[in-house]
Structure formats: C-alpha cells, structure tokens
Amino acid sequence: MRVPHILFLAAALCFAQAPAPAISFDKTHHDFGKISQDQKASHSYKVTNTGGAPLQIKEIRPSCGCSYTVVGQRNLNPGESTFIEVHFDPTGMTGSIHKSVEVGSDDPVSPKAMLTFEASVTREIMPSARSVSFNNVPRSGLSTSAIRLQSGEGQPFEVTDAKIPGAPYLSCSPQKDGNDVILNIRLNGELIPRQKYRGAEIMTVRTTSKKVPVLQFNIHWDVEPVIIATPAKVSWFDRPGKELWAVVNLSHAEGRAFRILEAKPSSSLIKVSNISKDAANNHEFNVLFSAKAKAGGYHEKLILIFDDPEQRELEIVVSAILR
C-alpha cells in the first residue's frame, strides 16, 4: 500500500528539481549623473540566463521618458547573454529624475524584474519659480518678491530686459549674484487703479543665453479689501429637503458708507434677502440655500456689487454638502 505513495513523492521531487530558467543582470540601477535637457543618454544592461533551461524575455515596459532596444535575442539558452539598451530623452525635464524599465520573462522565481536609472537634468537657466503671488496688497507702500535664475551649467549670463506690459504698478530689477541672476519684483499699491482689486500679469524676461533667450512668468495679485465679509465663506453640512440660511455682515475697513447695488448668485438655489438699499458703513443680510437641492456637494459663489470707488465687488464662496 505504501509503494504508490513513495512513487508519488519521487515524481514530485523530480518535478521540483527540474531545470528552470533564471534571469540575472550585471546591475539593475544606473546613474547618468548631471546631464542637460538637450543631451540624450543611453545605457546597456547585460542580461544573462543563469538557469538550467532556456529563458524567454517576454516583454519590456519602460516608464515615460525613455525607450529601449534589445541588442541580440530574446530567447537565451543557459549561460547566454544579451543586452537591453535604454535610451533616455530628458527634453522638458528638470531636476532629479528617476525612471524604471520592467522586464518580464518566464523565470519562475522572478517573472518581473525592474531596471532603474536616475539623472540630474539641468537647463542653462533654471528659475526657482514660474509664478509669483501678491496677496492682500495694501494700497499704500510696496510689496516685494524675488525669483532666482540659477545657472544650471555653471556659466554666467545676463538679463537684458524684463517687461510687464500694461501694469505700471509692477516693476522688475535684475541683480547679479555670482553666475545667477535674481529678479526683484515690486508691486506698488499706490499705482493700482482704484477700480482694480485683483489681476494676472505676464512678465517677459530676455537673457544673453543662446539656449534660453526668453523666459515668461505669471504674476497674480489682489489688493487688501476695504469691504470685509464675516464670515468670508458660507458653508453648510446638513441633510437635503430643508432650507438653509446664514447671516453675512459687511463692514468697511475705513468706516466709509457704501451701498450694495446688486447681489448675483451663481445658482438659482441661492437667494439673498434683507439687503438694504441705503448707504451705510455696515450691512447685514441673509443668504438662503433652497430646500429643493438634492443630496450631493455644491460649490457656488455670490458676487456683490458696490458703489465704493476702491472696491467695486466682492466674491463670497457658498458651499453645501447635503447627505
């Protein structure tokens, strides 16, 4: 009765010890070091079948920014080798880059192997930021910010021009700092027109660099409000099927009387009541959210129009989560 059992164990042992392919690499990681954006790079990873049966490389899946070439054959007998050549194109990239290539084979132990590489991609001019924000700018005095233009290749350069068209309240003064240049940006609140309280400008910078002759930056700004809403945002978390309401207070920072000319909600679910048409330095009114609103999330806004010469309007965020 024990003979079949012994034969079964022997067969299983022979099956477990059957020769199998095994994939191995001379190395699985490569560092390209410091390269420029226009410098394409490549590296060959040596692949060897160190097993006792033929190995098949079934697929190679690179991550974005690279491609590959198999130098040789995909089917390797025991002891045979080939090369996977990875090509890396850093165009449009900057900074520390990490990429990978997945290699799939019929190795029963490691059917998926990962090849990785890294590079420090530089540009002749590397800005510390692409945009600048000035928030709550006072209408008196200066607000400042700075952007560093780093020399990625260690070569000096100069900024020949920095213009912000249509924005006389903004200016830029380049300042040399070794091989780098610092762009000192100033916003003069006194020069901002009384009817403007926020804006988005484009600053164009020209350099002596042949590779990066022109750079553009976004500048966003908003002035310190003179009409302040309390609360600044109206929000509810409640159940659907009931009317929701909140009280909003408006006050003038300089104590001047003003009128609310119009209230424009972004949705018909929002209503405004008890708005006075008289001039006052303080207003109070109700914001209502309709009981007809169904379950879900709502993100709307209420725009108030004033007769104040320094602040023509104010936007109040109105949101509701109904569950």
C-alpha atoms as a PDB file:
ATOM      1  CA  MET A   1       0.000   0.000   0.000  1.00  0.00           C
ATOM      2  CA  ARG A   2       2.943   2.383   0.525  1.00  0.00           C
ATOM      3  CA  VAL A   3       4.565   1.874  -2.926  1.00  0.00           C
ATOM      4  CA  PRO A   4       2.279   4.295  -4.862  1.00  0.00           C
ATOM      5  CA  HIS A   5       2.790   6.929  -2.187  1.00  0.00           C
ATOM      6  CA  ILE A   6       6.571   6.592  -2.477  1.00  0.00           C
ATOM      7  CA  LEU A   7       6.376   6.803  -6.264  1.00  0.00           C
ATOM      8  CA  PHE A   8       4.281   9.966  -5.989  1.00  0.00           C
ATOM      9  CA  LEU A   9       6.867  11.606  -3.692  1.00  0.00           C
ATOM     10  CA  ALA A  10       9.681  10.640  -6.034  1.00  0.00           C
ATOM     11  CA  ALA A  11       7.844  12.098  -9.026  1.00  0.00           C
ATOM     12  CA  ALA A  12       7.157  15.306  -7.124  1.00  0.00           C
ATOM     13  CA  LEU A  13      10.794  15.573  -6.102  1.00  0.00           C
ATOM     14  CA  CYS A  14      11.948  15.093  -9.704  1.00  0.00           C
ATOM     15  CA  PHE A  15       9.494  17.760 -10.865  1.00  0.00           C
ATOM     16  CA  ALA A  16      10.714  20.216  -8.197  1.00  0.00           C
ATOM     17  CA  GLN A  17      14.304  19.641  -9.262  1.00  0.00           C
ATOM     18  CA  ALA A  18      13.599  20.058 -12.999  1.00  0.00           C
ATOM     19  CA  PRO A  19      15.908  22.637 -14.587  1.00  0.00           C
ATOM     20  CA  ALA A  20      14.396  26.130 -14.863  1.00  0.00           C
ATOM     21  CA  PRO A  21      15.500  29.416 -16.414  1.00  0.00           C
ATOM     22  CA  ALA A  22      16.845  32.207 -14.200  1.00  0.00           C
ATOM     23  CA  ILE A  23      17.264  35.839 -15.236  1.00  0.00           C
ATOM     24  CA  SER A  24      20.097  37.963 -13.836  1.00  0.00           C
ATOM     25  CA  PHE A  25      21.671  41.339 -14.614  1.00  0.00           C
ATOM     26  CA  ASP A  26      25.156  42.764 -14.283  1.00  0.00           C
ATOM     27  CA  LYS A  27      23.432  45.637 -12.428  1.00  0.00           C
ATOM     28  CA  THR A  28      19.844  46.855 -12.090  1.00  0.00           C
ATOM     29  CA  HIS A  29      20.480  50.567 -11.470  1.00  0.00           C
ATOM     30  CA  HIS A  30      22.415  53.215 -13.374  1.00  0.00           C
ATOM     31  CA  ASP A  31      23.138  56.849 -12.553  1.00  0.00           C
ATOM     32  CA  PHE A  32      23.619  59.105 -15.580  1.00  0.00           C
ATOM     33  CA  GLY A  33      24.781  61.896 -13.298  1.00  0.00           C
ATOM     34  CA  LYS A  34      24.374  65.504 -14.405  1.00  0.00           C
ATOM     35  CA  ILE A  35      23.042  65.941 -17.954  1.00  0.00           C
ATOM     36  CA  SER A  36      21.455  68.852 -19.811  1.00  0.00           C
ATOM     37  CA  GLN A  37      17.925  68.898 -21.248  1.00  0.00           C
ATOM     38  CA  ASP A  38      19.190  68.558 -24.809  1.00  0.00           C
ATOM     39  CA  GLN A  39      21.558  65.708 -24.004  1.00  0.00           C
ATOM     40  CA  LYS A  40      20.077  62.301 -24.841  1.00  0.00           C
ATOM     41  CA  ALA A  41      21.619  59.431 -22.859  1.00  0.00           C
ATOM     42  CA  SER A  42      21.673  55.638 -23.054  1.00  0.00           C
ATOM     43  CA  HIS A  43      22.916  52.674 -21.009  1.00  0.00           C
ATOM     44  CA  SER A  44      23.132  48.933 -21.708  1.00  0.00           C
ATOM     45  CA  TYR A  45      22.081  46.445 -19.017  1.00  0.00           C
ATOM     46  CA  LYS A  46      23.599  42.971 -19.514  1.00  0.00           C
ATOM     47  CA  VAL A  47      21.062  40.145 -19.176  1.00  0.00           C
ATOM     48  CA  THR A  48      22.195  36.555 -18.557  1.00  0.00           C
ATOM     49  CA  ASN A  49      20.322  33.275 -18.237  1.00  0.00           C
ATOM     50  CA  THR A  50      21.948  31.712 -15.174  1.00  0.00           C
ATOM     51  CA  GLY A  51      19.405  28.882 -15.019  1.00  0.00           C
ATOM     52  CA  GLY A  52      19.391  25.377 -16.414  1.00  0.00           C
ATOM     53  CA  ALA A  53      16.667  25.797 -19.053  1.00  0.00           C
ATOM     54  CA  PRO A  54      16.057  28.239 -21.945  1.00  0.00           C
ATOM     55  CA  LEU A  55      14.915  31.724 -20.890  1.00  0.00           C
ATOM     56  CA  GLN A  56      12.432  33.840 -22.815  1.00  0.00           C
ATOM     57  CA  ILE A  57      12.259  37.627 -22.369  1.00  0.00           C
ATOM     58  CA  LYS A  58       8.544  38.158 -22.937  1.00  0.00           C
ATOM     59  CA  GLU A  59       8.086  41.910 -22.570  1.00  0.00           C
ATOM     60  CA  ILE A  60       9.875  45.133 -21.698  1.00  0.00           C
ATOM     61  CA  ARG A  61       7.804  48.033 -20.364  1.00  0.00           C
ATOM     62  CA  PRO A  62       9.631  51.369 -19.916  1.00  0.00           C
ATOM     63  CA  SER A  63       8.181  54.254 -17.938  1.00  0.00           C
ATOM     64  CA  CYS A  64       7.623  57.564 -19.682  1.00  0.00           C
ATOM     65  CA  GLY A  65      10.625  59.500 -20.960  1.00  0.00           C
ATOM     66  CA  CYS A  66      12.632  56.514 -22.151  1.00  0.00           C
ATOM     67  CA  SER A  67      12.705  53.780 -24.790  1.00  0.00           C
ATOM     68  CA  TYR A  68      14.656  50.567 -25.221  1.00  0.00           C
ATOM     69  CA  THR A  69      16.432  48.329 -27.712  1.00  0.00           C
ATOM     70  CA  VAL A  70      17.233  44.641 -27.271  1.00  0.00           C
ATOM     71  CA  VAL A  71      20.741  44.082 -28.606  1.00  0.00           C
ATOM     72  CA  GLY A  72      20.684  40.411 -29.533  1.00  0.00           C
ATOM     73  CA  GLN A  73      17.983  37.819 -28.971  1.00  0.00           C
ATOM     74  CA  ARG A  74      15.071  37.456 -26.559  1.00  0.00           C
ATOM     75  CA  ASN A  75      15.500  33.664 -26.166  1.00  0.00           C
ATOM     76  CA  LEU A  76      18.598  32.731 -24.175  1.00  0.00           C
ATOM     77  CA  ASN A  77      19.983  29.271 -23.600  1.00  0.00           C
ATOM     78  CA  PRO A  78      21.642  28.553 -20.252  1.00  0.00           C
ATOM     79  CA  GLY A  79      24.741  30.716 -19.919  1.00  0.00           C
ATOM     80  CA  GLU A  80      23.861  33.019 -22.819  1.00  0.00           C
ATOM     81  CA  SER A  81      23.626  36.803 -22.501  1.00  0.00           C
ATOM     82  CA  THR A  82      22.116  39.769 -24.295  1.00  0.00           C
ATOM     83  CA  PHE A  83      21.798  43.495 -23.668  1.00  0.00           C
ATOM     84  CA  ILE A  84      18.841  45.778 -23.048  1.00  0.00           C
ATOM     85  CA  GLU A  85      19.836  49.264 -24.143  1.00  0.00           C
ATOM     86  CA  VAL A  86      17.755  52.000 -22.508  1.00  0.00           C
ATOM     87  CA  HIS A  87      17.548  55.406 -24.180  1.00  0.00           C
ATOM     88  CA  PHE A  88      16.596  58.448 -22.088  1.00  0.00           C
ATOM     89  CA  ASP A  89      15.371  61.743 -23.574  1.00  0.00           C
ATOM     90  CA  PRO A  90      15.313  64.488 -20.878  1.00  0.00           C
ATOM     91  CA  THR A  91      13.697  67.148 -23.086  1.00  0.00           C
ATOM     92  CA  GLY A  92      11.323  69.249 -20.980  1.00  0.00           C
ATOM     93  CA  MET A  93      12.544  67.755 -17.682  1.00  0.00           C
ATOM     94  CA  THR A  94      14.459  69.486 -14.906  1.00  0.00           C
ATOM     95  CA  GLY A  95      15.874  68.357 -11.570  1.00  0.00           C
ATOM     96  CA  SER A  96      16.281  64.892 -10.089  1.00  0.00           C
ATOM     97  CA  ILE A  97      14.693  62.289 -12.387  1.00  0.00           C
ATOM     98  CA  HIS A  98      14.031  58.642 -11.531  1.00  0.00           C
ATOM     99  CA  LYS A  99      12.767  56.194 -14.176  1.00  0.00           C
ATOM    100  CA  SER A 100      12.293  52.452 -14.496  1.00  0.00           C
ATOM    101  CA  VAL A 101      12.001  49.634 -17.048  1.00  0.00           C
ATOM    102  CA  GLU A 102      10.071  46.469 -16.191  1.00  0.00           C
ATOM    103  CA  VAL A 103      11.384  43.241 -17.746  1.00  0.00           C
ATOM    104  CA  GLY A 104       9.036  40.264 -17.938  1.00  0.00           C
ATOM    105  CA  SER A 105      10.352  36.737 -18.525  1.00  0.00           C
ATOM    106  CA  ASP A 106       9.467  33.069 -17.894  1.00  0.00           C
ATOM    107  CA  ASP A 107      11.783  32.898 -14.878  1.00  0.00           C
ATOM    108  CA  PRO A 108       9.508  31.103 -12.363  1.00  0.00           C
ATOM    109  CA  VAL A 109      11.149  32.826  -9.390  1.00  0.00           C
ATOM    110  CA  SER A 110      11.407  36.387 -10.759  1.00  0.00           C
ATOM    111  CA  PRO A 111       8.940  36.768 -13.632  1.00  0.00           C
ATOM    112  CA  LYS A 112       9.064  40.572 -13.241  1.00  0.00           C
ATOM    113  CA  ALA A 113      12.400  42.336 -12.848  1.00  0.00           C
ATOM    114  CA  MET A 114      12.891  46.098 -12.521  1.00  0.00           C
ATOM    115  CA  LEU A 115      15.719  48.099 -14.067  1.00  0.00           C
ATOM    116  CA  THR A 116      16.049  51.664 -12.781  1.00  0.00           C
ATOM    117  CA  PHE A 117      18.072  54.750 -13.595  1.00  0.00           C
ATOM    118  CA  GLU A 118      18.403  58.301 -12.387  1.00  0.00           C
ATOM    119  CA  ALA A 119      19.731  61.596 -13.687  1.00  0.00           C
ATOM    120  CA  SER A 120      20.122  65.189 -12.577  1.00  0.00           C
ATOM    121  CA  VAL A 121      18.732  67.133 -15.531  1.00  0.00           C
ATOM    122  CA  THR A 122      19.903  70.717 -15.818  1.00  0.00           C
ATOM    123  CA  ARG A 123      18.970  73.643 -18.011  1.00  0.00           C
ATOM    124  CA  GLU A 124      21.218  76.554 -18.894  1.00  0.00           C
ATOM    125  CA  ILE A 125      18.879  78.765 -16.842  1.00  0.00           C
ATOM    126  CA  MET A 126      16.776  77.200 -14.071  1.00  0.00           C
ATOM    127  CA  PRO A 127      14.156  79.517 -12.459  1.00  0.00           C
ATOM    128  CA  SER A 128      13.329  78.940  -8.786  1.00  0.00           C
ATOM    129  CA  ALA A 129       9.637  79.578  -9.617  1.00  0.00           C
ATOM    130  CA  ARG A 130       7.435  80.158 -12.624  1.00  0.00           C
ATOM    131  CA  SER A 131       4.861  82.329 -10.888  1.00  0.00           C
ATOM    132  CA  VAL A 132       4.607  84.919  -8.127  1.00  0.00           C
ATOM    133  CA  SER A 133       1.580  85.776  -5.976  1.00  0.00           C
ATOM    134  CA  PHE A 134       0.996  89.009  -4.069  1.00  0.00           C
ATOM    135  CA  ASN A 135      -1.911  88.589  -1.667  1.00  0.00           C
ATOM    136  CA  ASN A 136      -3.764  91.285   0.302  1.00  0.00           C
ATOM    137  CA  VAL A 137      -1.548  94.034  -1.055  1.00  0.00           C
ATOM    138  CA  PRO A 138      -2.028  97.370   0.771  1.00  0.00           C
ATOM    139  CA  ARG A 139      -2.906 100.319  -1.452  1.00  0.00           C
ATOM    140  CA  SER A 140      -0.113 102.240   0.212  1.00  0.00           C
ATOM    141  CA  GLY A 141       3.508 101.110   0.175  1.00  0.00           C
ATOM    142  CA  LEU A 142       5.450  98.404  -1.690  1.00  0.00           C
ATOM    143  CA  SER A 143       5.193  94.618  -1.775  1.00  0.00           C
ATOM    144  CA  THR A 144       8.207  92.642  -2.990  1.00  0.00           C
ATOM    145  CA  SER A 145       9.081  89.142  -4.142  1.00  0.00           C
ATOM    146  CA  ALA A 146      12.043  87.506  -5.889  1.00  0.00           C
ATOM    147  CA  ILE A 147      12.824  84.741  -8.393  1.00  0.00           C
ATOM    148  CA  ARG A 148      16.304  83.273  -8.699  1.00  0.00           C
ATOM    149  CA  LEU A 149      17.543  82.354 -12.165  1.00  0.00           C
ATOM    150  CA  GLN A 150      20.136  79.681 -11.463  1.00  0.00           C
ATOM    151  CA  SER A 151      22.902  78.913 -13.931  1.00  0.00           C
ATOM    152  CA  GLY A 152      22.354  75.187 -14.398  1.00  0.00           C
ATOM    153  CA  GLU A 153      25.558  74.676 -16.373  1.00  0.00           C
ATOM    154  CA  GLY A 154      27.724  76.971 -14.264  1.00  0.00           C
ATOM    155  CA  GLN A 155      28.104  79.586 -16.991  1.00  0.00           C
ATOM    156  CA  PRO A 156      27.393  83.270 -16.320  1.00  0.00           C
ATOM    157  CA  PHE A 157      24.606  85.057 -18.192  1.00  0.00           C
ATOM    158  CA  GLU A 158      22.822  88.389 -18.001  1.00  0.00           C
ATOM    159  CA  VAL A 159      19.231  89.596 -18.098  1.00  0.00           C
ATOM    160  CA  THR A 160      18.947  92.282 -20.755  1.00  0.00           C
ATOM    161  CA  ASP A 161      15.277  93.155 -20.297  1.00  0.00           C
ATOM    162  CA  ALA A 162      12.320  92.436 -18.006  1.00  0.00           C
ATOM    163  CA  LYS A 163       8.933  93.843 -19.003  1.00  0.00           C
ATOM    164  CA  ILE A 164       5.408  93.572 -17.598  1.00  0.00           C
ATOM    165  CA  PRO A 165       3.229  95.293 -20.235  1.00  0.00           C
ATOM    166  CA  GLY A 166       0.049  97.047 -19.159  1.00  0.00           C
ATOM    167  CA  ALA A 167       0.985  97.006 -15.467  1.00  0.00           C
ATOM    168  CA  PRO A 168       2.742 100.258 -14.433  1.00  0.00           C
ATOM    169  CA  TYR A 169       2.300  99.252 -10.778  1.00  0.00           C
ATOM    170  CA  LEU A 170       4.679  96.291 -11.305  1.00  0.00           C
ATOM    171  CA  SER A 171       8.432  96.513 -11.916  1.00  0.00           C
ATOM    172  CA  CYS A 172      11.420  94.163 -12.006  1.00  0.00           C
ATOM    173  CA  SER A 173      15.093  94.860 -11.225  1.00  0.00           C
ATOM    174  CA  PRO A 174      17.633  92.136 -12.159  1.00  0.00           C
ATOM    175  CA  GLN A 175      20.532  91.645  -9.748  1.00  0.00           C
ATOM    176  CA  LYS A 176      23.671  89.585 -10.440  1.00  0.00           C
ATOM    177  CA  ASP A 177      24.635  87.005  -7.821  1.00  0.00           C
ATOM    178  CA  GLY A 178      27.677  85.076  -9.000  1.00  0.00           C
ATOM    179  CA  ASN A 179      26.640  83.075 -12.057  1.00  0.00           C
ATOM    180  CA  ASP A 180      22.972  83.510 -11.136  1.00  0.00           C
ATOM    181  CA  VAL A 181      20.551  86.416 -11.539  1.00  0.00           C
ATOM    182  CA  ILE A 182      17.900  87.440  -9.014  1.00  0.00           C
ATOM    183  CA  LEU A 183      14.727  89.074 -10.340  1.00  0.00           C
ATOM    184  CA  ASN A 184      13.480  91.545  -7.721  1.00  0.00           C
ATOM    185  CA  ILE A 185       9.774  92.131  -8.397  1.00  0.00           C
ATOM    186  CA  ARG A 186       7.935  95.075  -6.816  1.00  0.00           C
ATOM    187  CA  LEU A 187       4.231  95.869  -6.649  1.00  0.00           C
ATOM    188  CA  ASN A 188       3.357  99.485  -5.834  1.00  0.00           C
ATOM    189  CA  GLY A 189      -0.118  99.549  -4.297  1.00  0.00           C
ATOM    190  CA  GLU A 190      -0.447 103.321  -4.757  1.00  0.00           C
ATOM    191  CA  LEU A 191      -0.296 102.926  -8.550  1.00  0.00           C
ATOM    192  CA  ILE A 192      -3.026 100.288  -8.759  1.00  0.00           C
ATOM    193  CA  PRO A 193      -6.198 101.852 -10.235  1.00  0.00           C
ATOM    194  CA  ARG A 194      -8.960 102.286  -7.670  1.00  0.00           C
ATOM    195  CA  GLN A 195     -11.333 100.199  -9.749  1.00  0.00           C
ATOM    196  CA  LYS A 196      -8.946  97.212  -9.817  1.00  0.00           C
ATOM    197  CA  TYR A 197      -8.557  94.872  -6.881  1.00  0.00           C
ATOM    198  CA  ARG A 198      -7.042  91.756  -8.494  1.00  0.00           C
ATOM    199  CA  GLY A 199      -5.064  90.913 -11.602  1.00  0.00           C
ATOM    200  CA  ALA A 200      -2.905  88.425 -13.512  1.00  0.00           C
ATOM    201  CA  GLU A 201       0.071  89.698 -15.489  1.00  0.00           C
ATOM    202  CA  ILE A 202       2.821  88.133 -17.637  1.00  0.00           C
ATOM    203  CA  MET A 203       6.438  89.147 -17.168  1.00  0.00           C
ATOM    204  CA  THR A 204       8.763  88.552 -20.132  1.00  0.00           C
ATOM    205  CA  VAL A 205      12.484  88.286 -19.372  1.00  0.00           C
ATOM    206  CA  ARG A 206      15.184  88.320 -22.062  1.00  0.00           C
ATOM    207  CA  THR A 207      18.665  86.937 -21.431  1.00  0.00           C
ATOM    208  CA  THR A 208      22.028  86.594 -23.156  1.00  0.00           C
ATOM    209  CA  SER A 209      21.685  82.800 -23.123  1.00  0.00           C
ATOM    210  CA  LYS A 210      21.514  81.252 -26.596  1.00  0.00           C
ATOM    211  CA  LYS A 211      19.612  78.209 -25.324  1.00  0.00           C
ATOM    212  CA  VAL A 212      17.151  80.156 -23.130  1.00  0.00           C
ATOM    213  CA  PRO A 213      16.839  83.628 -24.672  1.00  0.00           C
ATOM    214  CA  VAL A 214      13.318  84.302 -23.342  1.00  0.00           C
ATOM    215  CA  LEU A 215      11.550  83.343 -20.121  1.00  0.00           C
ATOM    216  CA  GLN A 216       7.968  84.129 -19.081  1.00  0.00           C
ATOM    217  CA  PHE A 217       6.499  84.285 -15.581  1.00  0.00           C
ATOM    218  CA  ASN A 218       2.955  84.667 -14.246  1.00  0.00           C
ATOM    219  CA  ILE A 219       2.265  87.316 -11.607  1.00  0.00           C
ATOM    220  CA  HIS A 220      -1.014  87.162  -9.666  1.00  0.00           C
ATOM    221  CA  TRP A 221      -2.083  89.845  -7.200  1.00  0.00           C
ATOM    222  CA  ASP A 222      -5.037  91.077  -5.197  1.00  0.00           C
ATOM    223  CA  VAL A 223      -5.355  94.155  -3.008  1.00  0.00           C
ATOM    224  CA  GLU A 224      -6.280  94.277   0.626  1.00  0.00           C
ATOM    225  CA  PRO A 225     -10.102  94.514   0.703  1.00  0.00           C
ATOM    226  CA  VAL A 226     -11.730  97.601   2.172  1.00  0.00           C
ATOM    227  CA  ILE A 227     -15.091  95.852   2.410  1.00  0.00           C
ATOM    228  CA  ILE A 228     -14.800  92.769   4.581  1.00  0.00           C
ATOM    229  CA  ALA A 229     -17.334  89.914   4.784  1.00  0.00           C
ATOM    230  CA  THR A 230     -17.916  87.979   8.002  1.00  0.00           C
ATOM    231  CA  PRO A 231     -17.931  85.053   7.522  1.00  0.00           C
ATOM    232  CA  ALA A 232     -15.681  85.155   4.474  1.00  0.00           C
ATOM    233  CA  LYS A 233     -17.173  81.855   3.287  1.00  0.00           C
ATOM    234  CA  VAL A 234     -20.713  80.493   3.749  1.00  0.00           C
ATOM    235  CA  SER A 235     -20.937  76.712   4.073  1.00  0.00           C
ATOM    236  CA  TRP A 236     -23.368  74.086   5.335  1.00  0.00           C
ATOM    237  CA  PHE A 237     -23.205  70.389   6.142  1.00  0.00           C
ATOM    238  CA  ASP A 238     -26.760  69.137   6.508  1.00  0.00           C
ATOM    239  CA  ARG A 239     -29.454  66.888   5.082  1.00  0.00           C
ATOM    240  CA  PRO A 240     -31.402  67.633   1.890  1.00  0.00           C
ATOM    241  CA  GLY A 241     -35.008  68.749   1.923  1.00  0.00           C
ATOM    242  CA  LYS A 242     -34.667  71.733   4.278  1.00  0.00           C
ATOM    243  CA  GLU A 243     -33.934  75.397   3.696  1.00  0.00           C
ATOM    244  CA  LEU A 244     -30.531  76.505   4.991  1.00  0.00           C
ATOM    245  CA  TRP A 245     -29.633  80.071   5.837  1.00  0.00           C
ATOM    246  CA  ALA A 246     -26.783  82.163   7.182  1.00  0.00           C
ATOM    247  CA  VAL A 247     -26.257  85.788   8.204  1.00  0.00           C
ATOM    248  CA  VAL A 248     -23.450  87.739   6.481  1.00  0.00           C
ATOM    249  CA  ASN A 249     -22.066  91.025   7.783  1.00  0.00           C
ATOM    250  CA  LEU A 250     -20.226  93.554   5.599  1.00  0.00           C
ATOM    251  CA  SER A 251     -18.066  96.261   7.149  1.00  0.00           C
ATOM    252  CA  HIS A 252     -15.898  98.998   5.645  1.00  0.00           C
ATOM    253  CA  ALA A 253     -12.303  98.997   6.912  1.00  0.00           C
ATOM    254  CA  GLU A 254     -12.106 102.816   6.695  1.00  0.00           C
ATOM    255  CA  GLY A 255     -15.573 103.414   8.094  1.00  0.00           C
ATOM    256  CA  ARG A 256     -16.992 104.852   4.857  1.00  0.00           C
ATOM    257  CA  ALA A 257     -20.632 104.405   3.943  1.00  0.00           C
ATOM    258  CA  PHE A 258     -21.324 102.309   0.832  1.00  0.00           C
ATOM    259  CA  ARG A 259     -24.278 100.817  -0.995  1.00  0.00           C
ATOM    260  CA  ILE A 260     -24.882  97.252  -2.178  1.00  0.00           C
ATOM    261  CA  LEU A 261     -26.027  97.752  -5.753  1.00  0.00           C
ATOM    262  CA  GLU A 262     -26.546  94.135  -6.725  1.00  0.00           C
ATOM    263  CA  ALA A 263     -26.198  90.562  -5.445  1.00  0.00           C
ATOM    264  CA  LYS A 264     -25.543  87.929  -8.128  1.00  0.00           C
ATOM    265  CA  PRO A 265     -25.608  84.252  -7.026  1.00  0.00           C
ATOM    266  CA  SER A 266     -24.116  81.650  -9.381  1.00  0.00           C
ATOM    267  CA  SER A 267     -27.055  79.260  -8.846  1.00  0.00           C
ATOM    268  CA  SER A 268     -30.831  79.588  -8.651  1.00  0.00           C
ATOM    269  CA  LEU A 269     -30.638  77.534  -5.440  1.00  0.00           C
ATOM    270  CA  ILE A 270     -29.122  80.575  -3.676  1.00  0.00           C
ATOM    271  CA  LYS A 271     -31.266  83.531  -2.617  1.00  0.00           C
ATOM    272  CA  VAL A 272     -30.331  86.751  -0.806  1.00  0.00           C
ATOM    273  CA  SER A 273     -32.735  88.662   1.432  1.00  0.00           C
ATOM    274  CA  ASN A 274     -32.839  91.722   3.698  1.00  0.00           C
ATOM    275  CA  ILE A 275     -30.338  93.771   1.694  1.00  0.00           C
ATOM    276  CA  SER A 276     -30.652  97.451   2.450  1.00  0.00           C
ATOM    277  CA  LYS A 277     -30.518  99.936  -0.445  1.00  0.00           C
ATOM    278  CA  ASP A 278     -29.298 102.695   1.850  1.00  0.00           C
ATOM    279  CA  ALA A 279     -25.665 103.731   2.258  1.00  0.00           C
ATOM    280  CA  ALA A 280     -24.028 102.526   5.478  1.00  0.00           C
ATOM    281  CA  ASN A 281     -20.609 101.512   6.741  1.00  0.00           C
ATOM    282  CA  ASN A 282     -22.082  98.195   7.913  1.00  0.00           C
ATOM    283  CA  HIS A 283     -24.582  95.903   6.181  1.00  0.00           C
ATOM    284  CA  GLU A 284     -26.207  92.671   7.280  1.00  0.00           C
ATOM    285  CA  PHE A 285     -28.213  90.294   5.071  1.00  0.00           C
ATOM    286  CA  ASN A 286     -29.293  86.664   4.778  1.00  0.00           C
ATOM    287  CA  VAL A 287     -28.045  84.001   2.372  1.00  0.00           C
ATOM    288  CA  LEU A 288     -30.551  81.187   1.775  1.00  0.00           C
ATOM    289  CA  PHE A 289     -29.947  77.767   0.225  1.00  0.00           C
ATOM    290  CA  SER A 290     -33.033  76.139  -1.302  1.00  0.00           C
ATOM    291  CA  ALA A 291     -34.801  73.094   0.171  1.00  0.00           C
ATOM    292  CA  LYS A 292     -35.116  71.821  -3.417  1.00  0.00           C
ATOM    293  CA  ALA A 293     -31.416  70.927  -3.512  1.00  0.00           C
ATOM    294  CA  LYS A 294     -30.802  67.199  -3.787  1.00  0.00           C
ATOM    295  CA  ALA A 295     -28.140  65.219  -1.938  1.00  0.00           C
ATOM    296  CA  GLY A 296     -24.606  65.982  -3.106  1.00  0.00           C
ATOM    297  CA  GLY A 297     -21.884  68.611  -2.959  1.00  0.00           C
ATOM    298  CA  TYR A 298     -22.435  72.195  -4.126  1.00  0.00           C
ATOM    299  CA  HIS A 299     -19.699  74.775  -4.731  1.00  0.00           C
ATOM    300  CA  GLU A 300     -21.146  78.137  -5.776  1.00  0.00           C
ATOM    301  CA  LYS A 301     -20.411  81.824  -5.280  1.00  0.00           C
ATOM    302  CA  LEU A 302     -22.184  85.068  -4.530  1.00  0.00           C
ATOM    303  CA  ILE A 303     -20.893  88.253  -6.172  1.00  0.00           C
ATOM    304  CA  LEU A 304     -21.791  91.561  -4.516  1.00  0.00           C
ATOM    305  CA  ILE A 305     -21.572  94.829  -6.470  1.00  0.00           C
ATOM    306  CA  PHE A 306     -20.840  98.071  -4.554  1.00  0.00           C
ATOM    307  CA  ASP A 307     -20.666 101.797  -5.274  1.00  0.00           C
ATOM    308  CA  ASP A 308     -17.369 102.124  -3.397  1.00  0.00           C
ATOM    309  CA  PRO A 309     -14.632 103.633  -5.640  1.00  0.00           C
ATOM    310  CA  GLU A 310     -11.916 101.357  -4.223  1.00  0.00           C
ATOM    311  CA  GLN A 311     -13.812  98.073  -4.267  1.00  0.00           C
ATOM    312  CA  ARG A 312     -16.467  97.531  -6.871  1.00  0.00           C
ATOM    313  CA  GLU A 313     -17.277  93.940  -5.999  1.00  0.00           C
ATOM    314  CA  LEU A 314     -16.695  91.103  -3.556  1.00  0.00           C
ATOM    315  CA  GLU A 315     -16.924  87.374  -4.149  1.00  0.00           C
ATOM    316  CA  ILE A 316     -18.209  85.128  -1.343  1.00  0.00           C
ATOM    317  CA  VAL A 317     -17.859  81.352  -1.697  1.00  0.00           C
ATOM    318  CA  VAL A 318     -21.084  79.470  -0.932  1.00  0.00           C
ATOM    319  CA  SER A 319     -20.852  75.691  -0.495  1.00  0.00           C
ATOM    320  CA  ALA A 320     -23.090  72.923   0.819  1.00  0.00           C
ATOM    321  CA  ILE A 321     -22.698  69.195   1.435  1.00  0.00           C
ATOM    322  CA  LEU A 322     -26.082  67.506   1.710  1.00  0.00           C
ATOM    323  CA  ARG A 323     -26.295  63.889   2.857  1.00  0.00           C
END
